[in-house]
Structure formats: structure tokens, C-alpha cells
Amino acid sequence: MPGPLPDSYRRLAMFSSRLLPGTRLYDQGTVPDRFYVVLRGEVIFEVVSEQGDAEVVARADAGSFVGHVAAFTGRPTSASARVERESVVLGIPLLKLADAIREAPELGIQLIYAFAGQPAPAFLSGVEEEGEPQAVAAVDADRDDVVTIEGEIDSQLFFVDTITCPVSSTRFEFLRVRTRAVRPRERESDFHVRYDDVNPTWYGVVVCPGCAFAAYQDDFEPLDEEVRARLWEDREARAAFVEHALTGTRSLEDATTALDLAIRCYEVRGATDSRRAVLQHRRAWLEREAGNAQGDRMWLTRARDSYERAFEADKRLSEEAAARIAYLVGDLSDRLGDLQSAQQWLETATRVAPTASAGIARTARDRLQDVRELIKRERAAS
């Protein structure tokens, strides 16, 4: 067992597992029969699949609880959970919870704090606060080289990370949402999640304060020199969209600007239809959150068309990714009033979903039933 956790956790060895990167704890839309405690390593939460991967919406580090809300309430999970790097994790079945708490009483108290969205008192655990990665601490000596975030930061909701822009080489701070701050309130059929407090999707795109290059964190990687040159030439046009740095706390308007910049940058980089669809879909969500039905519909139409092209042309899609995309084309078609197309695509989703993806298959069947009922009503009314 890694320290510094409560000594009593050492008596929970029967529930511990050493997991390799890529191990999936549970799928999106399922109800796990156990919850997890990360002792070492990192677990990531993912939503819409893209080219076999998924967008990371949150991370859980050592000391974090995973899957406890869904396991205890019986509500389907709003995201899948997957091990990002080699980790040691406690997996405690609900039927064994009493035994686990008997062995480690602190576990019960920490569960209460986890449900309350509050950090446990220091006397319960020596687990370090989820927060600054080692990379941040390592650059403290030359802090002057880093563009810092201005204004106050709510440490209960965010922590600060550091990254280097592959276009301008600007080194800057940006905010990441703490896992414990993510409190889903409602999950819609197209995977849009409404949150209490902070919305992690508003912070998914990182924006350089030096040149307004925007991308998801995992895509802040060295660029082909020709692509880098095109993005550098486009910096003044991007800067015209930015009224202030987008590295700190964001409003809905800030999140919209960040996503618009990302859409522009990914197009310059030669976005695949899968990537384009995900960005357009996120853009529709922001319009929905703003109460703009017309904007929501416009971006959903674009996303639906891009998802459809990705399904038909991208040979690199895994079976799971193909099933998710087929489901989304069907769901978005329903939202856009094209019931016949919705029925066809949802049928495709149920057919191509691999056995391991029971969650998406079940969700597709449920939506297919809804669409068939709507078609029957329309025919009966005509």
C-alpha cells in the first residue's frame, strides 16, 4: 500500500489491485456494483469516443473516490472511468462495504466527505491534496518564465497546471478542475451533462495567452513545422476573438470563445471528421446552455453530418467508437426531427456495438424504442 494513507487501509489489501494503463473500471451509462479508491496512479473520466479514444473531462489522483455516486444511488454513470497510468486501486463491492469499514473505519468518514464534495480532514489521511503536478513544483525556481494566472483561484474547485504552447513556445499556467468539484446533475441523451457548481467541459480547451492557440491538453504536442507556421501566421486573427486571457476562471462566454478558437486551430491542423464532430457537438452544448435553440440546432446539424462522415469513411474507428458515433448520429437526427434516419442509425448502433460495450448498446436500444414510438404516433395522427 502506498503512503501516506491511513494505516487502517493496509487491512484492505483483499480489495486492492494493481492495474495497468487502459484498464476500464466501468463504462459510461452503467451502474457499477462497487466503488473505487485510487491509492496510487491516476484514473481518467471520459465521455464521447473519438477514433477509439474519448474526451477526458476529469481526473482522479491518489486519495480520490471513483464511482461512488453511481454505485450508491443506482444512477447510471455520466462518464466511463479508465486507468491512465499504472495504478493501485481499491475496488470495494457494496455488499462488502460493512466489512471494509469494520477494518478501516476512516473509509466510512471519507465516504461522507466525498459525497459532500469536501476534502477530508487532515487527521484522516495523509494523502496529498489533489493538485499541483510535479512539473509545476519543478519550475518554481524559474517562475519568471511562466505567464501566471491573474486574480483569485478557488482552490476547492481548481488547481493550477503548467504547459508550453507548441506554436509560440509561451509557458503558462492554466486551470484544471478538481475531481471532487465535478457534480453531475443531469445527463441528456446526447451525452450532454449539466453540472452543479463548476462545468468541467468549459475548461477542456486550453488557450495560449501568447498567440491564442487552442487545443485540448493532450494535443499540446510538437507540431509539424509547416502546420506550426500556418498557426503562427493566423495568430493575429485569433487574437481578435480574445478580450482577455482564457487561462483563469471562465464564464459561458469564455468557454464559447475557447471552443471557437479550438475549432479554428484544429481546422488549420487538418482535423479529422471525428475531431470536427466532437468540437461541433460541444459547441451545440454551449448554445443549449445559453438557451439559444437556433444555435443549438445549427451546431447539432453540423456535428451530425461530421459524425456520419466519420462513421462511413474513418477505417481506424474501433467497434466501440463506431457504435458510439452511430448512436450519436441517431440521437442527433431525432433531435433534428429526422425520425427515419434516427431509427436507422440507432438500429446500426445496436448491431455494431461490441459485447464489451453493454452500456452504449442498452442506451441505443432505449432510444430506439423512444423513436419507434414517435414514428407510430406520427403515422396514427396522419
Protein backbone atom coordinates (compact mmCIF):
# COMPACT_ATOMS: atom_id res chain seq x y z
CA MET A 1 0.00 0.00 0.00
CA PRO A 2 1.39 3.42 -0.84
CA GLY A 3 1.69 6.02 1.85
CA PRO A 4 0.71 8.21 3.33
CA LEU A 5 -2.78 6.72 3.62
CA PRO A 6 -4.50 5.84 6.90
CA ASP A 7 -2.71 2.88 8.47
CA SER A 8 -6.01 1.00 8.61
CA TYR A 9 -6.17 0.97 4.80
CA ARG A 10 -3.42 -1.63 4.89
CA ARG A 11 -6.04 -4.04 6.19
CA LEU A 12 -7.99 -3.63 2.94
CA ALA A 13 -5.41 -5.48 0.85
CA MET A 14 -8.06 -8.03 -0.16
CA PHE A 15 -9.77 -5.28 -2.20
CA SER A 16 -6.63 -3.87 -3.82
CA SER A 17 -5.47 -4.42 -7.39
CA ARG A 18 -2.50 -3.21 -9.39
CA LEU A 19 -3.97 -2.07 -12.71
CA LEU A 20 -2.22 -1.39 -15.99
CA PRO A 21 -2.88 1.69 -18.16
CA GLY A 22 -6.04 1.28 -20.20
CA THR A 23 -7.88 -0.86 -17.65
CA ARG A 24 -11.53 0.21 -17.65
CA LEU A 25 -13.23 0.40 -14.25
CA TYR A 26 -16.69 0.95 -15.70
CA ASP A 27 -18.44 2.16 -18.87
CA GLN A 28 -20.46 5.29 -19.39
CA GLY A 29 -24.15 4.74 -18.71
CA THR A 30 -23.68 1.76 -16.38
CA VAL A 31 -24.34 1.30 -12.66
CA PRO A 32 -21.24 -0.22 -11.01
CA ASP A 33 -21.67 -2.70 -8.17
CA ARG A 34 -18.66 -1.28 -6.36
CA PHE A 35 -16.79 1.95 -5.83
CA TYR A 36 -13.08 2.61 -6.07
CA VAL A 37 -10.39 4.42 -4.11
CA VAL A 38 -7.24 5.45 -6.00
CA LEU A 39 -4.23 4.68 -3.84
CA ARG A 40 -1.54 5.35 -6.42
CA GLY A 41 -1.59 6.50 -10.03
CA GLU A 42 -4.39 8.20 -11.94
CA VAL A 43 -7.86 7.38 -13.26
CA ILE A 44 -9.45 9.48 -16.01
CA PHE A 45 -13.12 10.08 -16.79
CA GLU A 46 -14.08 10.04 -20.48
CA VAL A 47 -17.19 10.81 -22.49
CA VAL A 48 -17.74 10.79 -26.26
CA SER A 49 -15.45 8.40 -28.08
CA GLU A 50 -13.35 9.71 -30.93
CA GLN A 51 -11.20 7.50 -33.15
CA GLY A 52 -11.27 4.83 -30.48
CA ASP A 53 -10.43 7.28 -27.71
CA ALA A 54 -12.59 9.61 -25.68
CA GLU A 55 -12.51 13.15 -24.38
CA VAL A 56 -11.13 13.41 -20.87
CA VAL A 57 -13.44 15.51 -18.67
CA ALA A 58 -11.85 14.91 -15.27
CA ARG A 59 -9.06 13.05 -13.49
CA ALA A 60 -8.80 11.26 -10.16
CA ASP A 61 -5.46 11.11 -8.38
CA ALA A 62 -4.29 9.36 -5.20
CA GLY A 63 -6.87 9.60 -2.43
CA SER A 64 -9.83 10.14 -4.77
CA PHE A 65 -13.06 8.15 -4.72
CA VAL A 66 -14.36 6.92 -8.08
CA GLY A 67 -17.83 5.66 -9.00
CA HIS A 68 -19.26 6.05 -5.50
CA VAL A 69 -22.18 8.29 -6.53
CA ALA A 70 -23.46 5.89 -9.20
CA ALA A 71 -22.85 2.81 -7.07
CA PHE A 72 -24.78 4.12 -4.07
CA THR A 73 -27.60 5.95 -5.88
CA GLY A 74 -28.18 3.48 -8.71
CA ARG A 75 -27.98 6.28 -11.29
CA PRO A 76 -26.02 5.44 -14.47
CA THR A 77 -22.55 6.93 -14.70
CA SER A 78 -22.19 10.07 -16.82
CA ALA A 79 -18.67 9.08 -17.94
CA SER A 80 -16.53 5.98 -18.22
CA ALA A 81 -13.54 5.53 -15.89
CA ARG A 82 -10.20 4.23 -17.16
CA VAL A 83 -6.75 3.85 -15.63
CA GLU A 84 -4.40 6.41 -17.19
CA ARG A 85 -1.11 5.14 -15.77
CA GLU A 86 -0.18 2.10 -13.69
CA SER A 87 -2.25 2.40 -10.55
CA VAL A 88 -3.08 0.69 -7.29
CA VAL A 89 -6.83 0.84 -6.67
CA LEU A 90 -9.22 -0.42 -4.03
CA GLY A 91 -12.38 -1.89 -5.57
CA ILE A 92 -14.92 -2.31 -2.77
CA PRO A 93 -18.19 -4.11 -3.61
CA LEU A 94 -21.22 -2.58 -1.92
CA LEU A 95 -22.00 -5.97 -0.39
CA LYS A 96 -18.61 -5.89 1.34
CA LEU A 97 -18.77 -2.27 2.49
CA ALA A 98 -19.61 -3.13 6.10
CA ASP A 99 -16.61 -5.46 6.27
CA ALA A 100 -14.35 -2.81 4.76
CA ILE A 101 -15.46 -0.11 7.20
CA ARG A 102 -15.05 -2.53 10.09
CA GLU A 103 -11.42 -2.99 9.04
CA ALA A 104 -10.82 0.68 8.17
CA PRO A 105 -13.30 2.99 9.95
CA GLU A 106 -11.76 6.05 8.28
CA LEU A 107 -13.15 4.78 4.98
CA GLY A 108 -16.71 5.48 6.12
CA ILE A 109 -15.87 9.02 7.20
CA GLN A 110 -14.03 9.73 3.97
CA LEU A 111 -17.04 8.48 2.00
CA ILE A 112 -19.21 11.04 3.76
CA TYR A 113 -16.82 13.83 2.83
CA ALA A 114 -16.62 12.52 -0.75
CA PHE A 115 -20.41 12.71 -1.13
CA ALA A 116 -20.37 16.20 0.35
CA GLY A 117 -17.74 17.26 -2.19
CA GLN A 118 -15.43 18.36 0.61
CA PRO A 119 -11.82 17.39 1.38
CA ALA A 120 -11.45 15.05 4.34
CA PRO A 121 -9.75 16.48 7.46
CA ALA A 122 -6.00 16.06 7.51
CA PHE A 123 -6.12 13.76 10.55
CA LEU A 124 -7.98 11.14 8.49
CA SER A 125 -5.41 10.77 5.78
CA GLY A 126 -2.02 11.86 4.75
CA VAL A 127 -2.96 11.80 1.09
CA GLU A 128 -1.72 14.99 -0.51
CA GLU A 129 -4.33 17.37 -1.87
CA GLU A 130 -5.13 16.64 -5.48
CA GLY A 131 -3.34 19.45 -7.21
CA GLU A 132 -0.02 20.65 -8.46
CA PRO A 133 1.75 18.06 -10.55
CA GLN A 134 5.48 17.57 -10.01
CA ALA A 135 6.09 19.52 -13.19
CA VAL A 136 4.69 22.65 -11.53
CA ALA A 137 6.83 22.30 -8.44
CA ALA A 138 9.90 21.73 -10.59
CA VAL A 139 9.65 25.11 -12.29
CA ASP A 140 9.26 27.18 -9.13
CA ALA A 141 12.89 28.21 -9.32
CA ASP A 142 12.43 29.93 -12.70
CA ARG A 143 8.86 31.13 -12.16
CA ASP A 144 9.54 34.34 -14.07
CA ASP A 145 9.42 32.36 -17.32
CA VAL A 146 5.81 31.37 -16.70
CA VAL A 147 2.78 33.50 -17.58
CA THR A 148 0.75 33.23 -14.39
CA ILE A 149 -2.99 33.41 -13.85
CA GLU A 150 -4.25 36.76 -12.60
CA GLY A 151 -6.88 37.04 -9.89
CA GLU A 152 -8.01 34.71 -7.15
CA ILE A 153 -8.42 30.98 -7.68
CA ASP A 154 -10.94 28.89 -5.77
CA SER A 155 -8.72 26.06 -4.56
CA GLN A 156 -11.79 23.97 -3.71
CA LEU A 157 -12.73 23.86 -7.40
CA PHE A 158 -9.46 24.19 -9.32
CA PHE A 159 -5.76 23.56 -9.26
CA VAL A 160 -3.07 25.12 -11.43
CA ASP A 161 -1.13 23.24 -14.09
CA THR A 162 1.58 24.46 -16.45
CA ILE A 163 2.05 23.86 -20.17
CA THR A 164 4.12 25.13 -23.10
CA CYS A 165 2.50 26.32 -26.32
CA PRO A 166 3.77 24.41 -29.39
CA VAL A 167 3.22 27.49 -31.58
CA SER A 168 4.65 30.45 -29.63
CA SER A 169 6.65 28.49 -27.02
CA THR A 170 4.88 30.53 -24.34
CA ARG A 171 4.96 28.78 -20.99
CA PHE A 172 1.83 29.48 -18.99
CA GLU A 173 -0.45 28.43 -16.18
CA PHE A 174 -3.99 27.21 -16.73
CA LEU A 175 -6.75 25.84 -14.53
CA ARG A 176 -7.79 22.24 -14.17
CA VAL A 177 -10.98 21.22 -12.42
CA ARG A 178 -10.61 19.15 -9.26
CA THR A 179 -12.30 15.78 -9.41
CA ARG A 180 -14.21 16.40 -6.20
CA ALA A 181 -15.71 19.59 -7.68
CA VAL A 182 -17.39 17.70 -10.55
CA ARG A 183 -21.01 17.14 -9.50
CA PRO A 184 -23.23 15.98 -12.41
CA ARG A 185 -26.88 16.92 -12.02
CA GLU A 186 -28.42 15.66 -15.26
CA ARG A 187 -27.25 13.61 -18.24
CA GLU A 188 -29.03 14.14 -21.55
CA SER A 189 -29.41 11.58 -24.31
CA ASP A 190 -26.62 13.06 -26.46
CA PHE A 191 -24.18 12.82 -23.50
CA HIS A 192 -24.51 16.48 -22.58
CA VAL A 193 -24.15 16.72 -18.82
CA ARG A 194 -25.46 19.55 -16.67
CA TYR A 195 -23.46 20.17 -13.52
CA ASP A 196 -23.89 21.77 -10.15
CA ASP A 197 -21.14 24.30 -9.49
CA VAL A 198 -18.26 24.09 -11.98
CA ASN A 199 -18.72 22.68 -15.50
CA PRO A 200 -15.53 20.76 -16.49
CA THR A 201 -16.34 20.93 -20.22
CA TRP A 202 -15.83 24.70 -20.06
CA TYR A 203 -12.19 24.06 -19.19
CA GLY A 204 -11.42 21.21 -21.59
CA VAL A 205 -9.80 23.50 -24.16
CA VAL A 206 -6.50 25.14 -23.17
CA VAL A 207 -5.78 28.56 -24.74
CA CYS A 208 -2.31 30.08 -25.01
CA PRO A 209 -2.26 33.68 -23.71
CA GLY A 210 0.58 34.49 -26.10
CA CYS A 211 -0.86 33.54 -29.50
CA ALA A 212 -4.41 32.26 -28.77
CA PHE A 213 -3.54 28.75 -29.96
CA ALA A 214 -6.27 26.50 -28.57
CA ALA A 215 -6.48 22.72 -28.23
CA TYR A 216 -7.21 20.00 -25.74
CA GLN A 217 -4.37 19.49 -23.30
CA ASP A 218 -3.28 16.19 -24.85
CA ASP A 219 -2.83 17.95 -28.20
CA PHE A 220 -0.31 20.50 -26.88
CA GLU A 221 2.45 18.50 -28.51
CA PRO A 222 5.20 19.36 -31.01
CA LEU A 223 3.76 20.31 -34.39
CA ASP A 224 4.91 19.78 -37.93
CA GLU A 225 6.85 22.90 -38.89
CA GLU A 226 4.52 23.71 -41.78
CA VAL A 227 1.45 23.46 -39.53
CA ARG A 228 3.18 25.49 -36.84
CA ALA A 229 3.97 28.21 -39.39
CA ARG A 230 0.34 28.39 -40.53
CA LEU A 231 -0.87 28.64 -36.95
CA TRP A 232 1.69 31.36 -36.24
CA GLU A 233 0.53 33.37 -39.26
CA ASP A 234 -3.06 33.07 -38.05
CA ARG A 235 -2.30 34.35 -34.53
CA GLU A 236 -3.46 37.95 -35.10
CA ALA A 237 -6.80 36.79 -36.49
CA ARG A 238 -7.26 34.55 -33.45
CA ALA A 239 -6.27 37.31 -31.06
CA ALA A 240 -9.15 39.43 -32.37
CA PHE A 241 -11.56 36.97 -30.71
CA VAL A 242 -9.92 37.24 -27.29
CA GLU A 243 -10.75 40.12 -24.96
CA HIS A 244 -8.79 38.74 -22.00
CA ALA A 245 -6.67 35.72 -21.11
CA LEU A 246 -8.66 32.49 -21.01
CA THR A 247 -6.37 30.72 -18.57
CA GLY A 248 -8.33 31.53 -15.40
CA THR A 249 -11.93 31.11 -14.28
CA ARG A 250 -14.29 31.02 -17.27
CA SER A 251 -17.79 32.20 -17.96
CA LEU A 252 -20.03 30.54 -20.55
CA GLU A 253 -18.95 33.25 -22.98
CA ASP A 254 -15.28 32.50 -22.26
CA ALA A 255 -15.87 28.78 -22.81
CA THR A 256 -17.55 29.57 -26.14
CA THR A 257 -14.61 31.71 -27.24
CA ALA A 258 -12.15 29.00 -26.25
CA LEU A 259 -14.04 26.39 -28.25
CA ASP A 260 -14.35 28.67 -31.29
CA LEU A 261 -10.58 29.14 -31.18
CA ALA A 262 -10.07 25.39 -30.93
CA ILE A 263 -12.33 24.76 -33.92
CA ARG A 264 -10.28 27.26 -35.93
CA CYS A 265 -6.94 25.77 -34.83
CA TYR A 266 -7.93 22.16 -35.48
CA GLU A 267 -9.09 23.11 -38.98
CA VAL A 268 -5.65 24.59 -39.68
CA ARG A 269 -4.12 21.37 -38.36
CA GLY A 270 -6.30 19.29 -40.68
CA ALA A 271 -8.97 17.98 -38.33
CA THR A 272 -10.46 14.56 -38.95
CA ASP A 273 -14.23 14.27 -39.24
CA SER A 274 -14.27 12.63 -35.82
CA ARG A 275 -12.48 15.52 -34.17
CA ARG A 276 -14.56 18.05 -36.08
CA ALA A 277 -17.77 16.33 -34.98
CA VAL A 278 -16.80 16.35 -31.31
CA LEU A 279 -15.92 20.05 -31.40
CA GLN A 280 -19.14 20.96 -33.19
CA HIS A 281 -21.14 18.85 -30.78
CA ARG A 282 -19.55 20.61 -27.78
CA ARG A 283 -20.34 23.91 -29.45
CA ALA A 284 -24.01 22.92 -29.65
CA TRP A 285 -23.97 22.14 -25.94
CA LEU A 286 -22.77 25.64 -25.15
CA GLU A 287 -25.57 27.14 -27.24
CA ARG A 288 -28.01 24.91 -25.36
CA GLU A 289 -26.66 26.09 -22.03
CA ALA A 290 -27.08 29.67 -23.22
CA GLY A 291 -30.72 28.96 -24.09
CA ASN A 292 -30.15 29.52 -27.82
CA ALA A 293 -32.26 26.82 -29.51
CA GLN A 294 -31.43 28.06 -33.02
CA GLY A 295 -27.70 27.96 -32.37
CA ASP A 296 -28.01 24.54 -30.75
CA ARG A 297 -29.79 23.20 -33.83
CA MET A 298 -27.27 24.72 -36.24
CA TRP A 299 -24.27 23.16 -34.49
CA LEU A 300 -26.06 19.83 -33.98
CA THR A 301 -26.69 19.68 -37.73
CA ARG A 302 -23.01 20.21 -38.43
CA ALA A 303 -21.99 17.69 -35.78
CA ARG A 304 -24.45 15.08 -37.07
CA ASP A 305 -23.09 15.40 -40.61
CA SER A 306 -19.48 15.17 -39.40
CA TYR A 307 -20.21 12.13 -37.24
CA GLU A 308 -21.88 10.46 -40.23
CA ARG A 309 -18.86 11.12 -42.47
CA ALA A 310 -16.55 9.78 -39.76
CA PHE A 311 -18.56 6.58 -39.43
CA GLU A 312 -18.59 5.98 -43.16
CA ALA A 313 -15.01 6.96 -44.02
CA ASP A 314 -12.76 6.50 -40.98
CA LYS A 315 -11.42 2.95 -41.14
CA ARG A 316 -9.44 3.45 -37.92
CA LEU A 317 -12.55 3.53 -35.73
CA SER A 318 -12.77 0.76 -33.16
CA GLU A 319 -16.04 -1.15 -32.80
CA GLU A 320 -16.82 0.78 -29.62
CA ALA A 321 -16.12 4.13 -31.29
CA ALA A 322 -18.25 3.17 -34.30
CA ALA A 323 -21.14 2.19 -32.01
CA ARG A 324 -20.95 5.47 -30.11
CA ILE A 325 -20.84 7.51 -33.30
CA ALA A 326 -23.76 5.59 -34.82
CA TYR A 327 -25.71 6.20 -31.61
CA LEU A 328 -24.93 9.91 -31.71
CA VAL A 329 -25.97 10.24 -35.36
CA GLY A 330 -29.25 8.58 -34.41
CA ASP A 331 -29.79 10.71 -31.33
CA LEU A 332 -28.95 13.97 -33.10
CA SER A 333 -31.18 13.02 -36.03
CA ASP A 334 -34.04 12.58 -33.57
CA ARG A 335 -33.29 15.97 -32.02
CA LEU A 336 -33.34 17.49 -35.51
CA GLY A 337 -36.70 15.90 -36.33
CA ASP A 338 -35.43 13.27 -38.79
CA LEU A 339 -37.05 10.23 -37.20
CA GLN A 340 -36.48 7.78 -40.07
CA SER A 341 -32.77 8.50 -40.09
CA ALA A 342 -32.71 8.31 -36.29
CA GLN A 343 -34.28 4.85 -36.38
CA GLN A 344 -31.80 3.57 -38.98
CA TRP A 345 -28.74 4.83 -37.11
CA LEU A 346 -29.89 3.62 -33.71
CA GLU A 347 -30.51 0.19 -35.23
CA THR A 348 -26.96 0.34 -36.58
CA ALA A 349 -25.62 1.23 -33.13
CA THR A 350 -27.29 -1.78 -31.54
CA ARG A 351 -25.93 -4.01 -34.30
CA VAL A 352 -22.28 -2.88 -34.27
CA ALA A 353 -21.85 -2.38 -30.50
CA PRO A 354 -19.27 -4.88 -29.20
CA THR A 355 -20.19 -7.20 -26.34
CA ALA A 356 -17.86 -5.28 -24.01
CA SER A 357 -19.85 -2.07 -24.56
CA ALA A 358 -23.09 -3.11 -22.91
CA GLY A 359 -23.74 0.46 -21.79
CA ILE A 360 -23.92 2.03 -25.25
CA ALA A 361 -25.92 -0.93 -26.63
CA ARG A 362 -28.51 -0.61 -23.87
CA THR A 363 -28.72 3.16 -24.30
CA ALA A 364 -29.17 2.76 -28.07
CA ARG A 365 -31.97 0.21 -27.58
CA ASP A 366 -33.77 2.54 -25.17
CA ARG A 367 -33.54 5.47 -27.58
CA LEU A 368 -34.59 3.26 -30.49
CA GLN A 369 -37.75 2.33 -28.61
CA ASP A 370 -38.50 6.02 -28.00
CA VAL A 371 -38.03 6.85 -31.68
CA ARG A 372 -40.23 3.96 -32.83
CA GLU A 373 -42.99 5.17 -30.51
CA LEU A 374 -42.74 8.67 -32.00
CA ILE A 375 -42.95 7.26 -35.54
CA LYS A 376 -46.08 5.28 -34.59
CA ARG A 377 -47.71 8.40 -33.16
CA GLU A 378 -46.93 10.40 -36.29
CA ARG A 379 -48.41 7.71 -38.52
CA ALA A 380 -51.51 7.43 -36.32
CA ALA A 381 -52.00 11.19 -36.44
CA SER A 382 -51.68 11.40 -40.24
